[in-house]
C-alpha cells in the first residue's frame, strides 16, 4: 500500500516492530533473547579499574562490566551514573557514557547541559514560540538541567508535550537522586522494540498492532529476504553485503546492464539504499564498500549521494574516505544487533 505502516508483532517470543514505506521495509527492530543491557539503559555503576593507555575506565554493572571512554578524575570504588550507548561485541564490555539523556517522543531532558533548545527541523516561528512557552512552564526556573524538544513536537498536542516533558524531568530527578550507593544497580531499563518504534519513528498512516500484523503486511517474507547476502538495486544491479569479524564487506555489481553508464547507476543506487540495508540487517562498525569500477571524476557525485543518504539516517555514521584501492570506508555506530538467526 502507499504511505507508511508501522506493524507491531512478536517473532519467536520477542517483541518486534517494522516500518514500511510505500510497501517496502524501511526499518526493523527486534528485541534480543537474552538479558544483555539494551542501549538507553541507565545504571549506577561502580568504577573498577582505569585503562591509562586508552584514557578509559572499566566499570562494574550488576551482571557484567562496562567501559567508559574519556574517564577523568574517577577512582576505583566510586559510584557513577552511566547510560548504555550500544550493543557490546562478543567478549567485550558494554559501551557506556556518563552524559545521560532522558529521551521520549517529544522531549529529551539533559542533566548538566542547561538551556532549552528546539529541533532545527521545526522552522515555523509560531510553533517554536508555542513550544518554548510549554517548555519554560514545565521546566521552571533555569538550572543545571536542560531540555531539547524533538521535531515530532511540532505536530504534537500541547497537553501531550507538557506531560512528556514533566515525565522525563521527574525521571531525571529520581535517577540523579539515586546516584550514591556501594553496589551497581539498574535504574532505568532500555526501551524495547515497541517503545522505540513509538518514540523514534514518525507517526504512520496506519498502525497495525494486532496479532499477526507481520503476516498481514508481508513483513515475514521481507525479513526472510534479509538473510540472503544478495539484494537487488534499482536499475537492475545488485549488492552483496557480508559481515566478517573485522568489518562489513559491501560489493556492488551491475548485473546484466552492459551500458556505459551501468557502473555509475549501480553505485548511485547502492549509495541511496545503503543506510536502509545496514539498518535492516543491524550492521555497524567498520564498513568497506567496493563500488563497481568508476572513473575518479565520478567520486564526488558518489560521495554526495552517500552523505545525503546518511544524513537522513538516525544512526551515526562517518565516511572516512577512499582507500588507495578505490574502496570507501565507513564507521557506523553499533546501535543495532545483527539480525538474529532462527526467527522465521
C-alpha atoms as a PDB file:
ATOM      1  CA  UNK A   1       0.000   0.000   0.000  1.00  0.00           C
ATOM      2  CA  UNK A   2       1.032   3.614  -0.460  1.00  0.00           C
ATOM      3  CA  UNK A   3       2.025   5.608   2.604  1.00  0.00           C
ATOM      4  CA  UNK A   4       3.602   4.383   5.822  1.00  0.00           C
ATOM      5  CA  UNK A   5       2.702   1.461   8.066  1.00  0.00           C
ATOM      6  CA  UNK A   6       4.068   0.573  11.489  1.00  0.00           C
ATOM      7  CA  UNK A   7       3.466  -3.073  12.350  1.00  0.00           C
ATOM      8  CA  UNK A   8       3.950  -4.279  15.944  1.00  0.00           C
ATOM      9  CA  UNK A   9       4.192  -8.020  16.491  1.00  0.00           C
ATOM     10  CA  UNK A  10       6.367 -10.756  18.008  1.00  0.00           C
ATOM     11  CA  UNK A  11       8.952 -13.075  16.455  1.00  0.00           C
ATOM     12  CA  UNK A  12       9.917 -16.250  18.316  1.00  0.00           C
ATOM     13  CA  UNK A  13       8.555 -14.694  21.501  1.00  0.00           C
ATOM     14  CA  UNK A  14      10.478 -11.435  21.078  1.00  0.00           C
ATOM     15  CA  UNK A  15       8.854  -8.050  20.571  1.00  0.00           C
ATOM     16  CA  UNK A  16       9.425  -6.746  17.054  1.00  0.00           C
ATOM     17  CA  UNK A  17       8.454  -3.637  15.103  1.00  0.00           C
ATOM     18  CA  UNK A  18       8.579  -2.954  11.378  1.00  0.00           C
ATOM     19  CA  UNK A  19       8.142   0.275   9.431  1.00  0.00           C
ATOM     20  CA  UNK A  20       7.033   0.068   5.823  1.00  0.00           C
ATOM     21  CA  UNK A  21       7.041   2.975   3.378  1.00  0.00           C
ATOM     22  CA  UNK A  22       5.082   2.507   0.144  1.00  0.00           C
ATOM     23  CA  UNK A  23       5.116  -1.251   0.672  1.00  0.00           C
ATOM     24  CA  UNK A  24       8.883  -1.532   1.209  1.00  0.00           C
ATOM     25  CA  UNK A  25      10.531  -2.414   4.533  1.00  0.00           C
ATOM     26  CA  UNK A  26      12.276   0.736   5.778  1.00  0.00           C
ATOM     27  CA  UNK A  27      13.208  -0.135   9.365  1.00  0.00           C
ATOM     28  CA  UNK A  28      13.135  -3.145  11.648  1.00  0.00           C
ATOM     29  CA  UNK A  29      13.554  -3.612  15.407  1.00  0.00           C
ATOM     30  CA  UNK A  30      13.786  -6.984  17.178  1.00  0.00           C
ATOM     31  CA  UNK A  31      14.396  -7.481  20.882  1.00  0.00           C
ATOM     32  CA  UNK A  32      17.303  -9.726  21.934  1.00  0.00           C
ATOM     33  CA  UNK A  33      16.543 -13.076  23.508  1.00  0.00           C
ATOM     34  CA  UNK A  34      18.921 -12.600  26.431  1.00  0.00           C
ATOM     35  CA  UNK A  35      19.289 -10.037  29.220  1.00  0.00           C
ATOM     36  CA  UNK A  36      22.107  -8.094  27.576  1.00  0.00           C
ATOM     37  CA  UNK A  37      21.901  -4.407  28.567  1.00  0.00           C
ATOM     38  CA  UNK A  38      19.915  -2.518  25.948  1.00  0.00           C
ATOM     39  CA  UNK A  39      21.040   0.821  24.515  1.00  0.00           C
ATOM     40  CA  UNK A  40      19.441   3.576  26.593  1.00  0.00           C
ATOM     41  CA  UNK A  41      19.518   1.641  29.869  1.00  0.00           C
ATOM     42  CA  UNK A  42      20.750   3.699  32.839  1.00  0.00           C
ATOM     43  CA  UNK A  43      22.854   2.195  35.613  1.00  0.00           C
ATOM     44  CA  UNK A  44      24.526   3.192  38.799  1.00  0.00           C
ATOM     45  CA  UNK A  45      27.891   1.617  38.036  1.00  0.00           C
ATOM     46  CA  UNK A  46      30.947   1.225  40.242  1.00  0.00           C
ATOM     47  CA  UNK A  47      34.356   2.276  38.906  1.00  0.00           C
ATOM     48  CA  UNK A  48      36.617  -0.766  38.774  1.00  0.00           C
ATOM     49  CA  UNK A  49      39.984  -0.116  37.139  1.00  0.00           C
ATOM     50  CA  UNK A  50      41.381   2.562  34.823  1.00  0.00           C
ATOM     51  CA  UNK A  51      42.925   1.857  31.426  1.00  0.00           C
ATOM     52  CA  UNK A  52      45.564   4.543  31.193  1.00  0.00           C
ATOM     53  CA  UNK A  53      46.665   3.807  27.655  1.00  0.00           C
ATOM     54  CA  UNK A  54      43.115   4.265  26.359  1.00  0.00           C
ATOM     55  CA  UNK A  55      42.065   7.006  28.776  1.00  0.00           C
ATOM     56  CA  UNK A  56      39.089   4.984  29.950  1.00  0.00           C
ATOM     57  CA  UNK A  57      37.689   3.142  32.939  1.00  0.00           C
ATOM     58  CA  UNK A  58      36.205  -0.315  33.360  1.00  0.00           C
ATOM     59  CA  UNK A  59      33.025  -0.238  35.441  1.00  0.00           C
ATOM     60  CA  UNK A  60      31.088  -2.922  37.284  1.00  0.00           C
ATOM     61  CA  UNK A  61      27.451  -3.488  36.346  1.00  0.00           C
ATOM     62  CA  UNK A  62      25.049  -5.845  38.160  1.00  0.00           C
ATOM     63  CA  UNK A  63      25.719  -8.652  35.636  1.00  0.00           C
ATOM     64  CA  UNK A  64      28.961  -7.770  33.907  1.00  0.00           C
ATOM     65  CA  UNK A  65      31.322  -4.960  33.060  1.00  0.00           C
ATOM     66  CA  UNK A  66      31.161  -1.723  31.102  1.00  0.00           C
ATOM     67  CA  UNK A  67      33.743   0.558  29.530  1.00  0.00           C
ATOM     68  CA  UNK A  68      33.691   4.356  29.745  1.00  0.00           C
ATOM     69  CA  UNK A  69      35.899   6.335  27.363  1.00  0.00           C
ATOM     70  CA  UNK A  70      37.466   9.630  28.323  1.00  0.00           C
ATOM     71  CA  UNK A  71      37.165   8.945  32.046  1.00  0.00           C
ATOM     72  CA  UNK A  72      38.854  11.672  34.073  1.00  0.00           C
ATOM     73  CA  UNK A  73      39.044  12.236  37.802  1.00  0.00           C
ATOM     74  CA  UNK A  74      37.461   8.880  38.646  1.00  0.00           C
ATOM     75  CA  UNK A  75      38.697   6.476  41.297  1.00  0.00           C
ATOM     76  CA  UNK A  76      38.104   2.743  41.797  1.00  0.00           C
ATOM     77  CA  UNK A  77      35.080   2.153  44.019  1.00  0.00           C
ATOM     78  CA  UNK A  78      33.399   5.434  43.044  1.00  0.00           C
ATOM     79  CA  UNK A  79      29.691   5.182  42.022  1.00  0.00           C
ATOM     80  CA  UNK A  80      28.747   6.759  38.704  1.00  0.00           C
ATOM     81  CA  UNK A  81      25.511   7.164  36.722  1.00  0.00           C
ATOM     82  CA  UNK A  82      26.034   5.898  33.157  1.00  0.00           C
ATOM     83  CA  UNK A  83      23.927   5.070  30.117  1.00  0.00           C
ATOM     84  CA  UNK A  84      24.421   2.252  27.607  1.00  0.00           C
ATOM     85  CA  UNK A  85      25.258   3.644  24.157  1.00  0.00           C
ATOM     86  CA  UNK A  86      25.281   0.494  22.028  1.00  0.00           C
ATOM     87  CA  UNK A  87      25.437  -3.279  21.915  1.00  0.00           C
ATOM     88  CA  UNK A  88      28.582  -4.946  23.209  1.00  0.00           C
ATOM     89  CA  UNK A  89      30.550  -7.131  20.838  1.00  0.00           C
ATOM     90  CA  UNK A  90      31.032 -10.722  21.953  1.00  0.00           C
ATOM     91  CA  UNK A  91      33.616 -10.904  24.723  1.00  0.00           C
ATOM     92  CA  UNK A  92      33.778  -7.128  25.203  1.00  0.00           C
ATOM     93  CA  UNK A  93      32.489  -4.755  27.866  1.00  0.00           C
ATOM     94  CA  UNK A  94      29.265  -2.809  27.370  1.00  0.00           C
ATOM     95  CA  UNK A  95      29.925   0.701  25.954  1.00  0.00           C
ATOM     96  CA  UNK A  96      28.554   3.474  28.183  1.00  0.00           C
ATOM     97  CA  UNK A  97      28.631   7.240  28.591  1.00  0.00           C
ATOM     98  CA  UNK A  98      28.347   9.452  31.656  1.00  0.00           C
ATOM     99  CA  UNK A  99      26.383  12.034  29.616  1.00  0.00           C
ATOM    100  CA  UNK A 100      22.974  10.620  30.423  1.00  0.00           C
ATOM    101  CA  UNK A 101      19.887  11.559  28.385  1.00  0.00           C
ATOM    102  CA  UNK A 102      16.229  11.002  29.268  1.00  0.00           C
ATOM    103  CA  UNK A 103      14.516  10.605  25.927  1.00  0.00           C
ATOM    104  CA  UNK A 104      10.856  10.344  24.955  1.00  0.00           C
ATOM    105  CA  UNK A 105       8.799  11.032  21.835  1.00  0.00           C
ATOM    106  CA  UNK A 106       8.696  14.796  22.202  1.00  0.00           C
ATOM    107  CA  UNK A 107      11.340  15.686  24.757  1.00  0.00           C
ATOM    108  CA  UNK A 108      14.927  14.930  25.758  1.00  0.00           C
ATOM    109  CA  UNK A 109      15.989  16.047  29.230  1.00  0.00           C
ATOM    110  CA  UNK A 110      19.739  16.715  29.511  1.00  0.00           C
ATOM    111  CA  UNK A 111      21.231  16.809  33.030  1.00  0.00           C
ATOM    112  CA  UNK A 112      24.320  19.020  33.350  1.00  0.00           C
ATOM    113  CA  UNK A 113      23.572  20.625  29.963  1.00  0.00           C
ATOM    114  CA  UNK A 114      21.341  23.612  30.802  1.00  0.00           C
ATOM    115  CA  UNK A 115      19.212  25.530  28.349  1.00  0.00           C
ATOM    116  CA  UNK A 116      16.070  24.918  26.312  1.00  0.00           C
ATOM    117  CA  UNK A 117      16.508  24.076  22.640  1.00  0.00           C
ATOM    118  CA  UNK A 118      14.081  23.380  19.802  1.00  0.00           C
ATOM    119  CA  UNK A 119      14.853  20.972  16.948  1.00  0.00           C
ATOM    120  CA  UNK A 120      16.270  22.745  13.896  1.00  0.00           C
ATOM    121  CA  UNK A 121      13.791  20.827  11.768  1.00  0.00           C
ATOM    122  CA  UNK A 122      10.976  22.945  13.211  1.00  0.00           C
ATOM    123  CA  UNK A 123      11.005  26.061  11.042  1.00  0.00           C
ATOM    124  CA  UNK A 124       7.602  27.576  11.813  1.00  0.00           C
ATOM    125  CA  UNK A 125       8.164  30.517  14.168  1.00  0.00           C
ATOM    126  CA  UNK A 126       4.707  30.310  15.745  1.00  0.00           C
ATOM    127  CA  UNK A 127       5.306  26.640  16.555  1.00  0.00           C
ATOM    128  CA  UNK A 128       8.702  27.436  18.060  1.00  0.00           C
ATOM    129  CA  UNK A 129       7.241  30.167  20.284  1.00  0.00           C
ATOM    130  CA  UNK A 130       4.408  27.861  21.388  1.00  0.00           C
ATOM    131  CA  UNK A 131       6.851  25.065  22.245  1.00  0.00           C
ATOM    132  CA  UNK A 132       9.147  27.417  24.165  1.00  0.00           C
ATOM    133  CA  UNK A 133       6.218  28.556  26.292  1.00  0.00           C
ATOM    134  CA  UNK A 134       5.309  24.945  27.127  1.00  0.00           C
ATOM    135  CA  UNK A 135       8.950  24.097  27.864  1.00  0.00           C
ATOM    136  CA  UNK A 136       9.515  27.036  30.225  1.00  0.00           C
ATOM    137  CA  UNK A 137       6.256  26.329  32.048  1.00  0.00           C
ATOM    138  CA  UNK A 138       7.230  22.684  32.686  1.00  0.00           C
ATOM    139  CA  UNK A 139      10.965  23.123  33.368  1.00  0.00           C
ATOM    140  CA  UNK A 140      10.565  26.082  35.741  1.00  0.00           C
ATOM    141  CA  UNK A 141      13.461  28.321  36.732  1.00  0.00           C
ATOM    142  CA  UNK A 142      16.744  27.831  34.858  1.00  0.00           C
ATOM    143  CA  UNK A 143      19.040  25.276  36.484  1.00  0.00           C
ATOM    144  CA  UNK A 144      21.654  22.695  35.591  1.00  0.00           C
ATOM    145  CA  UNK A 145      19.179  20.542  33.665  1.00  0.00           C
ATOM    146  CA  UNK A 146      18.369  21.302  30.042  1.00  0.00           C
ATOM    147  CA  UNK A 147      15.719  20.298  27.541  1.00  0.00           C
ATOM    148  CA  UNK A 148      15.584  19.519  23.828  1.00  0.00           C
ATOM    149  CA  UNK A 149      12.219  19.451  22.077  1.00  0.00           C
ATOM    150  CA  UNK A 150      12.289  16.988  19.183  1.00  0.00           C
ATOM    151  CA  UNK A 151      10.885  17.557  15.700  1.00  0.00           C
ATOM    152  CA  UNK A 152       7.776  15.445  16.442  1.00  0.00           C
ATOM    153  CA  UNK A 153       6.722  18.100  18.965  1.00  0.00           C
ATOM    154  CA  UNK A 154       5.763  20.409  16.085  1.00  0.00           C
ATOM    155  CA  UNK A 155       2.696  18.250  15.399  1.00  0.00           C
ATOM    156  CA  UNK A 156       2.072  17.156  18.983  1.00  0.00           C
ATOM    157  CA  UNK A 157      -0.805  18.086  21.253  1.00  0.00           C
ATOM    158  CA  UNK A 158       0.126  20.737  23.820  1.00  0.00           C
ATOM    159  CA  UNK A 159      -1.019  18.591  26.727  1.00  0.00           C
ATOM    160  CA  UNK A 160       0.861  15.530  25.483  1.00  0.00           C
ATOM    161  CA  UNK A 161       4.050  17.565  25.051  1.00  0.00           C
ATOM    162  CA  UNK A 162       3.731  19.048  28.548  1.00  0.00           C
ATOM    163  CA  UNK A 163       3.166  15.589  30.040  1.00  0.00           C
ATOM    164  CA  UNK A 164       6.160  14.207  28.139  1.00  0.00           C
ATOM    165  CA  UNK A 165       8.437  16.966  29.435  1.00  0.00           C
ATOM    166  CA  UNK A 166       7.179  16.522  33.005  1.00  0.00           C
ATOM    167  CA  UNK A 167       7.647  12.743  32.878  1.00  0.00           C
ATOM    168  CA  UNK A 168      11.245  12.990  31.638  1.00  0.00           C
ATOM    169  CA  UNK A 169      12.034  15.786  34.112  1.00  0.00           C
ATOM    170  CA  UNK A 170      10.702  13.757  37.047  1.00  0.00           C
ATOM    171  CA  UNK A 171      12.509  10.616  35.887  1.00  0.00           C
ATOM    172  CA  UNK A 172      15.786  12.520  35.636  1.00  0.00           C
ATOM    173  CA  UNK A 173      15.384  13.906  39.131  1.00  0.00           C
ATOM    174  CA  UNK A 174      14.605  10.462  40.568  1.00  0.00           C
ATOM    175  CA  UNK A 175      17.589   8.813  38.870  1.00  0.00           C
ATOM    176  CA  UNK A 176      20.075  11.524  39.824  1.00  0.00           C
ATOM    177  CA  UNK A 177      18.871  11.351  43.425  1.00  0.00           C
ATOM    178  CA  UNK A 178      19.895   7.675  43.409  1.00  0.00           C
ATOM    179  CA  UNK A 179      23.471   8.330  42.320  1.00  0.00           C
ATOM    180  CA  UNK A 180      25.134   7.122  45.504  1.00  0.00           C
ATOM    181  CA  UNK A 181      25.423   3.535  46.606  1.00  0.00           C
ATOM    182  CA  UNK A 182      28.003   0.840  47.169  1.00  0.00           C
ATOM    183  CA  UNK A 183      26.568  -1.646  44.660  1.00  0.00           C
ATOM    184  CA  UNK A 184      25.877  -1.428  40.922  1.00  0.00           C
ATOM    185  CA  UNK A 185      22.186  -1.260  40.053  1.00  0.00           C
ATOM    186  CA  UNK A 186      19.924  -0.962  37.024  1.00  0.00           C
ATOM    187  CA  UNK A 187      17.960   2.274  37.441  1.00  0.00           C
ATOM    188  CA  UNK A 188      16.117   2.544  34.112  1.00  0.00           C
ATOM    189  CA  UNK A 189      15.774  -0.323  31.644  1.00  0.00           C
ATOM    190  CA  UNK A 190      16.450   0.302  27.974  1.00  0.00           C
ATOM    191  CA  UNK A 191      13.400   0.599  25.681  1.00  0.00           C
ATOM    192  CA  UNK A 192      12.110  -2.474  23.850  1.00  0.00           C
ATOM    193  CA  UNK A 193      11.286  -2.617  20.136  1.00  0.00           C
ATOM    194  CA  UNK A 194       7.705  -1.373  20.553  1.00  0.00           C
ATOM    195  CA  UNK A 195       8.801   1.533  22.758  1.00  0.00           C
ATOM    196  CA  UNK A 196      11.495   2.611  20.297  1.00  0.00           C
ATOM    197  CA  UNK A 197       9.002   2.487  17.425  1.00  0.00           C
ATOM    198  CA  UNK A 198       6.621   4.770  19.350  1.00  0.00           C
ATOM    199  CA  UNK A 199       9.419   7.074  20.468  1.00  0.00           C
ATOM    200  CA  UNK A 200      11.546   7.459  17.338  1.00  0.00           C
ATOM    201  CA  UNK A 201       9.503   6.656  14.240  1.00  0.00           C
ATOM    202  CA  UNK A 202       7.255   9.271  12.568  1.00  0.00           C
ATOM    203  CA  UNK A 203       3.522   8.865  13.040  1.00  0.00           C
ATOM    204  CA  UNK A 204       2.322   6.346  10.399  1.00  0.00           C
ATOM    205  CA  UNK A 205      -0.664   6.433   8.081  1.00  0.00           C
ATOM    206  CA  UNK A 206      -1.614   3.052   9.552  1.00  0.00           C
ATOM    207  CA  UNK A 207      -0.686   1.483  12.904  1.00  0.00           C
ATOM    208  CA  UNK A 208      -1.075  -2.308  12.806  1.00  0.00           C
ATOM    209  CA  UNK A 209      -0.698  -3.619  16.343  1.00  0.00           C
ATOM    210  CA  UNK A 210      -2.984  -6.653  16.277  1.00  0.00           C
ATOM    211  CA  UNK A 211      -1.506 -10.134  16.499  1.00  0.00           C
ATOM    212  CA  UNK A 212      -0.315 -11.422  13.135  1.00  0.00           C
ATOM    213  CA  UNK A 213       0.308  -7.945  11.717  1.00  0.00           C
ATOM    214  CA  UNK A 214       3.651  -9.055  10.230  1.00  0.00           C
ATOM    215  CA  UNK A 215       1.975 -11.812   8.229  1.00  0.00           C
ATOM    216  CA  UNK A 216      -0.839  -9.477   7.166  1.00  0.00           C
ATOM    217  CA  UNK A 217       1.574  -6.936   5.685  1.00  0.00           C
ATOM    218  CA  UNK A 218       4.134  -9.389   4.288  1.00  0.00           C
ATOM    219  CA  UNK A 219       6.842  -8.452   6.787  1.00  0.00           C
ATOM    220  CA  UNK A 220       7.820 -12.091   7.400  1.00  0.00           C
ATOM    221  CA  UNK A 221       8.805 -12.533   3.749  1.00  0.00           C
ATOM    222  CA  UNK A 222      10.708  -9.257   3.752  1.00  0.00           C
ATOM    223  CA  UNK A 223      12.695 -10.337   6.816  1.00  0.00           C
ATOM    224  CA  UNK A 224      13.425 -13.730   5.252  1.00  0.00           C
ATOM    225  CA  UNK A 225      14.970 -11.934   2.248  1.00  0.00           C
ATOM    226  CA  UNK A 226      17.428 -10.171   4.560  1.00  0.00           C
ATOM    227  CA  UNK A 227      19.109 -13.479   5.422  1.00  0.00           C
ATOM    228  CA  UNK A 228      20.455 -13.609   1.866  1.00  0.00           C
ATOM    229  CA  UNK A 229      23.625 -11.506   1.359  1.00  0.00           C
ATOM    230  CA  UNK A 230      22.463 -10.525  -2.144  1.00  0.00           C
ATOM    231  CA  UNK A 231      19.951  -7.674  -2.527  1.00  0.00           C
ATOM    232  CA  UNK A 232      18.600  -6.081  -5.736  1.00  0.00           C
ATOM    233  CA  UNK A 233      19.276  -2.456  -6.589  1.00  0.00           C
ATOM    234  CA  UNK A 234      17.132  -0.039  -8.574  1.00  0.00           C
ATOM    235  CA  UNK A 235      18.064  -0.204 -12.252  1.00  0.00           C
ATOM    236  CA  UNK A 236      18.931  -3.906 -12.413  1.00  0.00           C
ATOM    237  CA  UNK A 237      22.157  -4.081 -10.415  1.00  0.00           C
ATOM    238  CA  UNK A 238      22.654  -5.869  -7.115  1.00  0.00           C
ATOM    239  CA  UNK A 239      24.725  -5.665  -3.946  1.00  0.00           C
ATOM    240  CA  UNK A 240      26.247  -8.375  -1.755  1.00  0.00           C
ATOM    241  CA  UNK A 241      26.568  -7.496   1.947  1.00  0.00           C
ATOM    242  CA  UNK A 242      28.641  -9.868   4.071  1.00  0.00           C
ATOM    243  CA  UNK A 243      29.668  -9.188   7.686  1.00  0.00           C
ATOM    244  CA  UNK A 244      33.003 -10.592   8.856  1.00  0.00           C
ATOM    245  CA  UNK A 245      34.658 -10.486  12.275  1.00  0.00           C
ATOM    246  CA  UNK A 246      36.735  -7.445  11.266  1.00  0.00           C
ATOM    247  CA  UNK A 247      34.377  -5.438   9.047  1.00  0.00           C
ATOM    248  CA  UNK A 248      31.282  -5.482   6.839  1.00  0.00           C
ATOM    249  CA  UNK A 249      32.079  -6.026   3.159  1.00  0.00           C
ATOM    250  CA  UNK A 250      29.748  -4.414   0.601  1.00  0.00           C
ATOM    251  CA  UNK A 251      30.220  -5.366  -3.057  1.00  0.00           C
ATOM    252  CA  UNK A 252      28.334  -3.537  -5.846  1.00  0.00           C
ATOM    253  CA  UNK A 253      27.603  -5.268  -9.148  1.00  0.00           C
ATOM    254  CA  UNK A 254      25.984  -4.003 -12.346  1.00  0.00           C
ATOM    255  CA  UNK A 255      24.115  -7.240 -13.057  1.00  0.00           C
ATOM    256  CA  UNK A 256      23.009  -7.673 -16.655  1.00  0.00           C
ATOM    257  CA  UNK A 257      23.354  -3.982 -17.521  1.00  0.00           C
ATOM    258  CA  UNK A 258      26.212  -3.547 -20.044  1.00  0.00           C
ATOM    259  CA  UNK A 259      25.580   0.103 -20.942  1.00  0.00           C
ATOM    260  CA  UNK A 260      28.382   2.680 -20.493  1.00  0.00           C
ATOM    261  CA  UNK A 261      26.547   4.199 -17.511  1.00  0.00           C
ATOM    262  CA  UNK A 262      25.914   0.841 -15.781  1.00  0.00           C
ATOM    263  CA  UNK A 263      28.593   1.315 -13.105  1.00  0.00           C
ATOM    264  CA  UNK A 264      27.583   4.803 -12.002  1.00  0.00           C
ATOM    265  CA  UNK A 265      23.877   3.832 -11.983  1.00  0.00           C
ATOM    266  CA  UNK A 266      24.508   0.811  -9.761  1.00  0.00           C
ATOM    267  CA  UNK A 267      26.844   2.774  -7.486  1.00  0.00           C
ATOM    268  CA  UNK A 268      24.364   5.612  -7.003  1.00  0.00           C
ATOM    269  CA  UNK A 269      21.547   3.135  -6.347  1.00  0.00           C
ATOM    270  CA  UNK A 270      23.649   1.486  -3.627  1.00  0.00           C
ATOM    271  CA  UNK A 271      24.663   4.838  -2.115  1.00  0.00           C
ATOM    272  CA  UNK A 272      20.998   5.810  -1.717  1.00  0.00           C
ATOM    273  CA  UNK A 273      19.946   2.418  -0.312  1.00  0.00           C
ATOM    274  CA  UNK A 274      22.953   1.551   1.892  1.00  0.00           C
ATOM    275  CA  UNK A 275      21.661   3.155   5.134  1.00  0.00           C
ATOM    276  CA  UNK A 276      18.418   1.174   4.848  1.00  0.00           C
ATOM    277  CA  UNK A 277      20.234  -2.088   4.163  1.00  0.00           C
ATOM    278  CA  UNK A 278      22.529  -1.601   7.172  1.00  0.00           C
ATOM    279  CA  UNK A 279      19.584  -0.643   9.421  1.00  0.00           C
ATOM    280  CA  UNK A 280      17.544  -3.679   8.480  1.00  0.00           C
ATOM    281  CA  UNK A 281      20.466  -6.070   8.909  1.00  0.00           C
ATOM    282  CA  UNK A 282      21.590  -4.456  12.180  1.00  0.00           C
ATOM    283  CA  UNK A 283      25.155  -3.919  10.934  1.00  0.00           C
ATOM    284  CA  UNK A 284      27.683  -1.417  12.250  1.00  0.00           C
ATOM    285  CA  UNK A 285      31.372  -0.948  12.961  1.00  0.00           C
ATOM    286  CA  UNK A 286      33.829  -0.675  10.088  1.00  0.00           C
ATOM    287  CA  UNK A 287      32.231  -0.960   6.648  1.00  0.00           C
ATOM    288  CA  UNK A 288      34.132  -1.245   3.365  1.00  0.00           C
ATOM    289  CA  UNK A 289      32.251  -0.572   0.120  1.00  0.00           C
ATOM    290  CA  UNK A 290      33.684  -1.971  -3.125  1.00  0.00           C
ATOM    291  CA  UNK A 291      31.880   0.085  -5.767  1.00  0.00           C
ATOM    292  CA  UNK A 292      31.606  -1.056  -9.358  1.00  0.00           C
ATOM    293  CA  UNK A 293      34.585   0.309 -11.374  1.00  0.00           C
ATOM    294  CA  UNK A 294      34.067   4.043 -11.725  1.00  0.00           C
ATOM    295  CA  UNK A 295      36.326   6.854 -13.008  1.00  0.00           C
ATOM    296  CA  UNK A 296      37.751   9.170 -10.353  1.00  0.00           C
ATOM    297  CA  UNK A 297      35.758  12.045 -11.856  1.00  0.00           C
ATOM    298  CA  UNK A 298      32.557  10.385 -10.590  1.00  0.00           C
ATOM    299  CA  UNK A 299      33.748  10.041  -6.995  1.00  0.00           C
ATOM    300  CA  UNK A 300      32.478  13.445  -5.909  1.00  0.00           C
ATOM    301  CA  UNK A 301      28.977  12.565  -7.133  1.00  0.00           C
ATOM    302  CA  UNK A 302      29.073   9.264  -5.232  1.00  0.00           C
ATOM    303  CA  UNK A 303      30.299  10.935  -2.041  1.00  0.00           C
ATOM    304  CA  UNK A 304      27.476  13.477  -2.262  1.00  0.00           C
ATOM    305  CA  UNK A 305      24.882  10.721  -2.633  1.00  0.00           C
ATOM    306  CA  UNK A 306      26.337   8.801   0.319  1.00  0.00           C
ATOM    307  CA  UNK A 307      26.410  11.855   2.571  1.00  0.00           C
ATOM    308  CA  UNK A 308      22.837  12.818   1.681  1.00  0.00           C
ATOM    309  CA  UNK A 309      21.621   9.273   2.388  1.00  0.00           C
ATOM    310  CA  UNK A 310      23.323   9.007   5.773  1.00  0.00           C
ATOM    311  CA  UNK A 311      22.185  12.479   6.849  1.00  0.00           C
ATOM    312  CA  UNK A 312      18.633  11.146   6.813  1.00  0.00           C
ATOM    313  CA  UNK A 313      19.632   8.005   8.740  1.00  0.00           C
ATOM    314  CA  UNK A 314      19.148   8.008  12.544  1.00  0.00           C
ATOM    315  CA  UNK A 315      22.326   6.009  13.273  1.00  0.00           C
ATOM    316  CA  UNK A 316      25.586   7.962  13.463  1.00  0.00           C
ATOM    317  CA  UNK A 317      27.833   7.096  10.504  1.00  0.00           C
ATOM    318  CA  UNK A 318      31.040   8.789   9.374  1.00  0.00           C
ATOM    319  CA  UNK A 319      32.528   8.497   5.885  1.00  0.00           C
ATOM    320  CA  UNK A 320      36.286   8.051   6.268  1.00  0.00           C
ATOM    321  CA  UNK A 321      37.014   8.371   2.545  1.00  0.00           C
ATOM    322  CA  UNK A 322      38.536   6.459  -0.349  1.00  0.00           C
ATOM    323  CA  UNK A 323      41.266   3.858   0.024  1.00  0.00           C
ATOM    324  CA  UNK A 324      44.192   3.551  -2.434  1.00  0.00           C
ATOM    325  CA  UNK A 325      42.405   0.560  -3.998  1.00  0.00           C
ATOM    326  CA  UNK A 326      39.285   2.629  -4.714  1.00  0.00           C
ATOM    327  CA  UNK A 327      37.042   1.397  -1.911  1.00  0.00           C
ATOM    328  CA  UNK A 328      35.109   3.616   0.517  1.00  0.00           C
ATOM    329  CA  UNK A 329      35.490   3.181   4.288  1.00  0.00           C
ATOM    330  CA  UNK A 330      32.681   3.989   6.719  1.00  0.00           C
ATOM    331  CA  UNK A 331      32.480   3.850  10.505  1.00  0.00           C
ATOM    332  CA  UNK A 332      28.994   3.210  11.887  1.00  0.00           C
ATOM    333  CA  UNK A 333      27.825   3.224  15.498  1.00  0.00           C
ATOM    334  CA  UNK A 334      26.699  -0.194  16.774  1.00  0.00           C
ATOM    335  CA  UNK A 335      23.179   0.802  17.829  1.00  0.00           C
ATOM    336  CA  UNK A 336      21.639  -2.384  16.449  1.00  0.00           C
ATOM    337  CA  UNK A 337      22.402  -6.051  16.860  1.00  0.00           C
ATOM    338  CA  UNK A 338      22.916  -8.130  13.712  1.00  0.00           C
ATOM    339  CA  UNK A 339      19.721  -9.766  12.513  1.00  0.00           C
ATOM    340  CA  UNK A 340      19.289 -12.820  14.755  1.00  0.00           C
ATOM    341  CA  UNK A 341      19.157 -16.319  13.306  1.00  0.00           C
ATOM    342  CA  UNK A 342      16.284 -18.760  13.623  1.00  0.00           C
ATOM    343  CA  UNK A 343      13.428 -16.271  13.909  1.00  0.00           C
ATOM    344  CA  UNK A 344      11.294 -17.419  10.993  1.00  0.00           C
END
